[in-house]
Protein backbone atom coordinates (compact mmCIF):
# COMPACT_ATOMS: atom_id res chain seq x y z
CA MET A 1 4.06 24.74 -65.55
CA PHE A 2 0.66 23.36 -63.97
CA LYS A 3 -2.60 24.06 -66.28
CA SER A 4 -5.42 25.32 -64.24
CA ARG A 5 -8.92 25.90 -64.96
CA TYR A 6 -11.85 26.29 -62.62
CA ALA A 7 -15.27 27.51 -62.47
CA LEU A 8 -16.48 31.18 -62.17
CA PRO A 9 -17.52 31.67 -58.76
CA GLY A 10 -21.01 31.28 -58.18
CA THR A 11 -21.35 28.38 -60.88
CA PRO A 12 -23.47 25.63 -59.09
CA PRO A 13 -21.67 22.45 -58.56
CA ALA A 14 -21.00 19.90 -61.39
CA THR A 15 -21.34 22.56 -64.38
CA LEU A 16 -19.25 21.74 -67.38
CA THR A 17 -18.30 24.41 -69.28
CA PRO A 18 -16.87 23.88 -73.17
CA LEU A 19 -13.38 24.75 -73.38
CA THR A 20 -11.82 26.92 -76.19
CA ALA A 21 -9.75 25.25 -79.35
CA ASP A 22 -6.53 27.00 -77.59
CA GLN A 23 -7.36 25.64 -74.02
CA THR A 24 -7.09 21.86 -74.82
CA SER A 25 -6.67 19.57 -77.92
CA ALA A 26 -8.96 17.44 -80.17
CA THR A 27 -10.42 14.43 -78.55
CA VAL A 28 -8.55 10.86 -79.37
CA ILE A 29 -10.29 7.78 -78.04
CA ARG A 30 -8.22 4.72 -77.98
CA TRP A 31 -9.47 1.41 -76.22
CA MET A 32 -7.49 -2.00 -75.26
CA GLU A 33 -8.83 -4.74 -74.39
CA TYR A 34 -6.81 -7.74 -72.77
CA ASP A 35 -6.15 -10.98 -70.78
CA ALA A 36 -3.27 -13.17 -70.14
CA ASP A 37 -3.94 -14.76 -73.78
CA SER A 38 -5.36 -12.17 -75.95
CA LEU A 39 -5.11 -8.30 -76.80
CA THR A 40 -7.19 -6.40 -79.20
CA GLU A 41 -6.74 -2.80 -79.90
CA HIS A 42 -8.97 -0.19 -80.95
CA SER A 43 -9.55 3.28 -82.06
CA VAL A 44 -13.00 4.91 -81.93
CA LYS A 45 -14.53 8.14 -82.94
CA SER A 46 -17.48 7.88 -80.77
CA VAL A 47 -18.07 7.07 -77.13
CA SER A 48 -21.30 5.04 -78.49
CA GLU A 49 -18.42 2.72 -80.45
CA LEU A 50 -17.36 1.63 -76.80
CA PRO A 51 -18.64 -1.55 -74.97
CA SER A 52 -20.47 -1.57 -71.83
CA VAL A 53 -18.02 -3.13 -69.46
CA THR A 54 -19.47 -5.60 -66.77
CA GLY A 55 -16.19 -7.29 -65.85
CA GLU A 56 -17.53 -10.67 -66.26
CA ASP A 57 -15.52 -11.50 -69.23
CA GLY A 58 -12.46 -11.91 -67.03
CA LYS A 59 -10.85 -8.90 -69.62
CA VAL A 60 -8.94 -6.01 -68.67
CA HIS A 61 -10.65 -2.83 -70.87
CA TRP A 62 -8.32 0.60 -70.89
CA ILE A 63 -10.20 3.24 -72.23
CA GLU A 64 -8.09 6.51 -73.26
CA PHE A 65 -10.52 9.69 -73.17
CA ASN A 66 -7.39 12.37 -74.58
CA GLY A 67 -8.47 15.59 -75.20
CA LEU A 68 -11.27 17.59 -73.64
CA ARG A 69 -12.68 19.47 -76.38
CA ASP A 70 -15.19 17.41 -77.13
CA LEU A 71 -17.44 18.18 -74.05
CA ASP A 72 -20.42 15.91 -75.30
CA GLY A 73 -18.11 13.08 -75.43
CA LEU A 74 -17.40 13.58 -71.84
CA LYS A 75 -21.22 13.55 -70.76
CA ALA A 76 -21.60 10.74 -72.89
CA LEU A 77 -18.66 8.67 -71.59
CA GLY A 78 -19.80 10.00 -67.76
CA GLU A 79 -23.48 8.31 -68.90
CA LYS A 80 -21.58 5.21 -70.06
CA PHE A 81 -19.98 4.26 -66.96
CA GLY A 82 -21.81 6.15 -64.39
CA LEU A 83 -19.46 8.64 -63.45
CA HIS A 84 -20.59 11.37 -61.04
CA PRO A 85 -21.02 15.15 -62.37
CA LEU A 86 -18.43 16.13 -59.76
CA THR A 87 -16.18 13.57 -61.09
CA LEU A 88 -16.59 15.23 -64.46
CA GLU A 89 -16.36 18.37 -63.25
CA ASP A 90 -12.73 17.91 -61.76
CA VAL A 91 -11.65 16.01 -65.20
CA LEU A 92 -12.42 19.13 -67.08
CA HIS A 93 -11.11 21.92 -64.57
CA ALA A 94 -7.57 21.06 -64.44
CA GLY A 95 -5.14 21.96 -61.88
CA GLN A 96 -6.82 19.52 -59.32
CA ARG A 97 -4.35 18.67 -56.58
CA PRO A 98 -3.28 14.89 -56.65
CA LYS A 99 -5.96 12.33 -54.97
CA VAL A 100 -8.16 9.55 -54.69
CA GLU A 101 -12.18 9.72 -54.07
CA ALA A 102 -14.35 6.66 -53.73
CA TYR A 103 -17.64 6.45 -54.92
CA ASP A 104 -19.76 3.06 -55.09
CA LYS A 105 -19.08 2.02 -58.29
CA HIS A 106 -15.74 3.41 -59.16
CA LEU A 107 -12.54 5.45 -57.86
CA PHE A 108 -11.44 8.23 -58.89
CA ILE A 109 -7.82 9.52 -59.05
CA VAL A 110 -6.10 12.44 -60.20
CA ALA A 111 -2.76 12.33 -60.91
CA LEU A 112 0.01 14.92 -62.08
CA MET A 113 2.22 13.98 -65.11
CA ILE A 114 5.27 15.93 -65.45
CA TYR A 115 7.28 15.56 -68.60
CA ARG A 116 9.86 17.67 -70.69
CA ASP A 117 8.36 19.36 -74.09
CA GLY A 118 10.41 18.10 -77.04
CA GLY A 119 10.52 21.54 -78.44
CA ASP A 120 11.93 23.81 -75.72
CA GLU A 121 12.66 21.22 -72.82
CA ARG A 122 10.47 22.96 -71.13
CA MET A 123 8.74 21.33 -68.04
CA ILE A 124 5.18 20.55 -68.40
CA GLY A 125 2.78 19.37 -65.71
CA GLU A 126 -0.42 17.92 -67.25
CA GLN A 127 -3.33 16.35 -64.92
CA VAL A 128 -4.20 12.47 -65.73
CA SER A 129 -7.68 11.40 -64.41
CA MET A 130 -8.47 7.72 -63.95
CA ILE A 131 -11.62 5.70 -63.29
CA LEU A 132 -11.12 2.62 -61.79
CA GLY A 133 -13.83 0.31 -61.96
CA ASN A 134 -15.06 -3.30 -62.19
CA GLY A 135 -12.99 -4.68 -64.89
CA PHE A 136 -12.27 -1.42 -66.66
CA LEU A 137 -10.32 1.57 -66.13
CA LEU A 138 -10.41 4.96 -67.84
CA SER A 139 -7.72 7.32 -68.08
CA ILE A 140 -8.16 10.86 -68.90
CA GLN A 141 -5.72 13.59 -70.30
CA GLU A 142 -5.59 17.16 -71.45
CA ASP A 143 -3.05 16.52 -74.87
CA PRO A 144 -3.31 13.25 -76.61
CA THR A 145 0.44 13.47 -78.37
CA CYS A 146 2.28 13.80 -75.12
CA ASP A 147 2.14 11.45 -72.51
CA VAL A 148 5.22 9.12 -70.34
CA LEU A 149 2.93 6.02 -70.67
CA GLU A 150 3.73 4.48 -74.02
CA PRO A 151 6.36 2.20 -71.71
CA ILE A 152 3.05 0.70 -70.38
CA ARG A 153 1.46 0.28 -74.02
CA GLN A 154 4.40 -1.57 -74.76
CA ARG A 155 4.65 -3.68 -72.08
CA ILE A 156 0.58 -4.82 -72.74
CA ARG A 157 1.21 -5.53 -76.23
CA SER A 158 4.86 -7.52 -75.53
CA GLY A 159 2.64 -9.89 -72.77
CA LYS A 160 5.98 -9.27 -70.62
CA GLY A 161 5.94 -8.89 -67.00
CA TRP A 162 2.24 -9.14 -64.45
CA ILE A 163 1.10 -6.63 -66.07
CA ARG A 164 -1.31 -8.72 -68.84
CA LYS A 165 -2.09 -11.88 -66.04
CA MET A 166 -3.48 -8.85 -63.31
CA GLY A 167 -6.70 -6.85 -63.41
CA PRO A 168 -7.30 -3.08 -63.79
CA ASP A 169 -6.20 -2.09 -60.40
CA TYR A 170 -2.58 -3.46 -61.68
CA LEU A 171 -3.20 -1.62 -64.66
CA THR A 172 -3.96 1.75 -62.49
CA TYR A 173 -0.46 1.02 -60.32
CA ALA A 174 1.01 0.99 -63.74
CA LEU A 175 0.37 4.04 -64.87
CA LEU A 176 1.05 6.02 -61.43
CA ASP A 177 4.53 4.37 -61.29
CA ALA A 178 5.19 5.46 -64.76
CA ILE A 179 3.82 8.80 -63.86
CA ILE A 180 6.02 9.12 -60.55
CA ASP A 181 9.10 7.42 -62.24
CA HIS A 182 9.40 9.59 -64.49
CA CYS A 183 10.40 12.13 -61.78
CA PHE A 184 13.71 10.46 -61.76
CA PRO A 185 15.41 11.82 -64.65
CA ILE A 186 13.98 14.93 -64.52
CA LEU A 187 15.19 14.98 -60.89
CA GLU A 188 18.88 13.87 -62.03
CA GLY A 189 19.36 16.58 -65.18
CA LEU A 190 18.46 19.29 -62.53
CA GLY A 191 20.96 17.61 -60.05
CA GLU A 192 23.49 17.79 -63.08
CA ALA A 193 22.59 21.29 -63.58
CA LEU A 194 23.16 22.54 -60.17
CA GLU A 195 26.57 21.06 -60.01
CA ASP A 196 27.68 22.73 -63.10
CA LEU A 197 26.31 26.08 -61.77
CA GLU A 198 27.98 25.36 -58.53
CA THR A 199 31.15 25.75 -60.42
CA GLN A 200 30.02 28.52 -62.58
CA MET A 201 29.83 30.02 -59.36
CA LEU A 202 32.76 29.48 -57.81
CA GLN A 203 34.54 30.37 -60.94
CA ARG A 204 32.74 33.23 -62.33
CA PRO A 205 29.86 34.13 -60.29
CA SER A 206 27.62 36.75 -62.18
CA ALA A 207 23.63 38.07 -62.01
CA ALA A 208 22.69 35.23 -64.57
CA CYS A 209 23.75 32.57 -62.22
CA ILE A 210 21.11 34.05 -59.48
CA SER A 211 18.27 33.98 -62.75
CA THR A 212 19.64 30.10 -63.30
CA LEU A 213 19.58 29.68 -59.35
CA HIS A 214 15.93 31.31 -59.03
CA ASP A 215 14.24 28.90 -62.32
CA TYR A 216 15.65 25.74 -60.60
CA ARG A 217 14.62 26.68 -56.72
CA ARG A 218 10.59 27.26 -58.57
CA THR A 219 10.88 24.09 -60.40
CA LEU A 220 11.76 22.38 -57.08
CA VAL A 221 8.90 23.97 -55.63
CA GLN A 222 6.54 22.87 -58.57
CA LEU A 223 7.63 19.26 -58.49
CA ARG A 224 7.36 18.84 -54.61
CA ARG A 225 3.78 20.37 -55.00
CA ALA A 226 3.31 17.71 -57.53
CA VAL A 227 4.91 14.76 -55.60
CA TRP A 228 3.79 15.72 -51.74
CA PRO A 229 -0.26 14.74 -52.67
CA GLU A 230 0.81 11.98 -54.89
CA ARG A 231 2.12 10.37 -51.62
CA ASP A 232 -0.80 10.83 -49.79
CA LEU A 233 -3.23 9.31 -53.01
CA VAL A 234 -0.96 6.07 -53.38
CA ASN A 235 -0.78 6.19 -49.33
CA SER A 236 -4.87 5.97 -49.45
CA LEU A 237 -4.90 3.07 -51.90
CA LEU A 238 -2.12 1.19 -50.13
CA HIS A 239 -4.29 1.64 -46.60
CA ASP A 240 -7.80 1.87 -47.30
CA GLU A 241 -9.98 -0.62 -47.79
CA SER A 242 -11.62 -0.93 -51.56
CA PRO A 243 -13.24 -3.37 -53.24
CA PHE A 244 -11.62 -2.11 -56.53
CA ILE A 245 -8.12 -2.62 -55.26
CA THR A 246 -6.67 -6.26 -54.75
CA ALA A 247 -3.97 -7.43 -52.17
CA PRO A 248 -1.56 -8.23 -54.41
CA THR A 249 -1.92 -5.21 -56.16
CA LYS A 250 -1.30 -3.49 -53.06
CA VAL A 251 2.37 -4.95 -52.40
CA PHE A 252 3.50 -2.87 -55.67
CA LEU A 253 1.82 -0.04 -54.45
CA ARG A 254 4.19 -0.17 -51.30
CA ASP A 255 7.08 0.00 -54.03
CA CYS A 256 5.65 2.88 -55.60
CA TYR A 257 4.92 4.32 -52.46
CA ASP A 258 8.93 4.08 -51.91
CA HIS A 259 9.29 5.67 -55.06
CA THR A 260 7.23 8.79 -53.81
CA LEU A 261 9.64 9.02 -50.70
CA ARG A 262 12.98 8.78 -52.55
CA ILE A 263 11.62 11.58 -54.85
CA MET A 264 10.50 13.60 -51.94
CA ASP A 265 13.97 13.53 -50.23
CA LEU A 266 15.60 14.07 -53.56
CA ILE A 267 13.88 17.54 -53.89
CA GLU A 268 14.65 18.44 -50.50
CA SER A 269 18.44 17.44 -50.78
CA TYR A 270 18.48 19.66 -53.99
CA ARG A 271 16.32 22.56 -52.49
CA GLU A 272 18.92 22.61 -49.37
CA ILE A 273 21.67 22.43 -52.20
CA SER A 274 19.87 25.67 -54.19
CA ALA A 275 20.05 27.42 -50.81
CA GLY A 276 23.48 27.06 -50.23
CA LEU A 277 24.37 27.82 -53.93
CA LEU A 278 22.53 31.09 -53.37
CA GLU A 279 25.48 31.40 -50.00
CA LEU A 280 27.63 30.54 -52.06
CA TYR A 281 27.02 33.41 -54.39
CA LEU A 282 26.65 36.13 -51.86
CA SER A 283 29.99 34.37 -50.43
CA ALA A 284 31.90 34.62 -53.72
CA VAL A 285 30.52 38.02 -54.62
CA SER A 286 31.70 39.25 -51.50
CA MET A 287 34.83 37.69 -51.37
CA ARG A 288 35.63 39.07 -54.99
CA THR A 289 34.69 42.76 -53.91
CA ASN A 290 37.08 42.10 -50.41
CA GLU A 291 39.76 41.32 -53.34
CA ILE A 292 39.44 44.07 -55.47
CA MET A 293 39.47 46.75 -52.57
CA ARG A 294 42.52 45.05 -51.20
CA VAL A 295 44.25 45.79 -54.36
CA LEU A 296 42.99 48.77 -54.77
CA THR A 297 43.75 49.62 -51.11
CA VAL A 298 47.65 48.15 -51.62
CA ILE A 299 47.94 50.44 -54.51
CA SER A 300 46.48 53.80 -52.81
CA ALA A 301 49.39 52.76 -49.91
CA PHE A 302 51.71 52.89 -52.99
CA PHE A 303 51.05 56.36 -53.66
CA ILE A 304 50.76 57.83 -49.88
CA PRO A 305 54.57 58.24 -49.78
CA LEU A 306 54.81 59.53 -52.75
CA THR A 307 52.03 62.15 -52.33
CA PHE A 308 53.77 63.45 -49.59
CA ILE A 309 57.06 64.01 -51.02
CA VAL A 310 55.83 65.53 -54.18
CA GLY A 311 53.71 67.68 -52.13
CA VAL A 312 56.37 68.76 -49.84
CA TYR A 313 58.76 69.28 -52.66
CA GLY A 314 55.76 70.72 -54.71
CA MET A 315 55.80 73.97 -52.14
CA ASN A 316 58.64 76.04 -53.88
CA PHE A 317 59.38 78.26 -50.71
CA ASP A 318 62.31 80.65 -51.54
CA TYR A 319 63.98 83.20 -50.49
CA LYS A 320 66.71 85.31 -52.54
CA ASP A 321 68.31 82.41 -54.37
CA GLY A 322 68.94 79.81 -51.80
CA GLU A 323 70.36 82.52 -49.62
CA HIS A 324 68.22 82.16 -46.78
CA TRP A 325 69.18 79.02 -44.62
CA LEU A 326 65.42 77.58 -44.06
CA ASN A 327 65.30 77.31 -47.72
CA MET A 328 65.25 74.15 -49.37
CA PRO A 329 68.42 72.55 -49.73
CA GLU A 330 67.54 70.75 -52.89
CA LEU A 331 65.52 73.59 -54.41
CA HIS A 332 68.55 74.54 -56.64
CA SER A 333 70.27 71.34 -56.83
CA ARG A 334 71.23 70.28 -60.48
CA TYR A 335 70.73 66.68 -60.44
CA GLY A 336 67.38 67.10 -57.64
CA TYR A 337 64.69 66.34 -60.03
CA VAL A 338 66.46 63.05 -61.08
CA TRP A 339 67.21 62.05 -57.06
CA LEU A 340 64.09 62.76 -56.22
CA TRP A 341 62.53 59.95 -58.65
CA LEU A 342 64.98 57.54 -57.38
CA PHE A 343 63.93 58.39 -54.17
CA MET A 344 60.65 57.24 -55.14
CA LEU A 345 61.28 54.54 -56.98
CA ALA A 346 63.04 53.10 -53.97
CA VAL A 347 60.48 53.64 -51.70
CA VAL A 348 57.90 51.88 -53.88
CA ALA A 349 60.33 48.79 -54.28
CA ALA A 350 60.48 48.69 -50.79
CA MET A 351 56.88 48.96 -49.98
CA TYR A 352 56.60 46.04 -52.48
CA VAL A 353 58.81 43.94 -50.70
CA PHE A 354 56.81 44.83 -47.46
CA PHE A 355 54.19 43.87 -48.98
CA ARG A 356 55.05 40.72 -50.59
CA ARG A 357 56.40 39.40 -47.41
CA LYS A 358 53.58 39.52 -45.74
CA LYS A 359 51.61 38.03 -48.14
CA TRP A 360 49.29 41.29 -49.12
CA LEU A 361 49.98 40.55 -52.60
């Protein structure tokens, strides 16, 4: 689910290795400039067309650099906004643990964005890197075609809520909140799937149920791997002193932190449910096996007296046409075969009534 790239062992720090076409998408650069009264959107082709943001104009500049194929463009972005080379290395090498790192001129934030692929509903984990500075926010994604940030763009365009009235730190909060809250519908769907799986296991347990349960448990582990460090990330933004995070924004970050706690509680609850489903499957299989063995045992019990009877009468010991007193008296009976069948059927009927009264059938 999670993309991961790393430098070869022994590579010098801050080395930027070009990515191949199958590793990332073509670069798309978007730029939004807004305040409470105005909004301007741009789509530029190169970093040289971006403005040099000083934060003195009172506007928020949100620059989206999506797609990492243009390595020269990424280097130019780092030079233009004074990014540390290690920051660019973490941006390029996806799979970083969600974190926040403070530099003199900016905050570097790594978040893990989780969403469902529109084609086959696979769960995708994608790194989103954010650089928060004075008057600007840079967001860098791997795939420009898929993200969960479109509601934030629509809120900026409509001018509703707080987002146009606050600074870039609030925009950072909004992006983190959208990334974290998108876990709720994924967990909701996973919870419904676990309920359906529980019903299936109770009615008709099969090996396919175990395979499906294993997939769900692996998904929960991956979600926990993403959300746990994001909780620490939000906690750091909330409690660490930084000139880039204002006090009004920290009030909203508290709410974002609460969301991470709720998601962690849901993940842990579903992990316990999945563990219980595994025990339920084993119990259901054991009960089904016991039921089959009980039926087979009862069927075998029916044949025990019958086997004894036919075994006795199958010996066929005879002495001079029944003249000896130790011969079987029924051996030369005219209706002995019929009477023997009636007797065996009576034995079976009596055993059936006995088993029913004992509730063994």
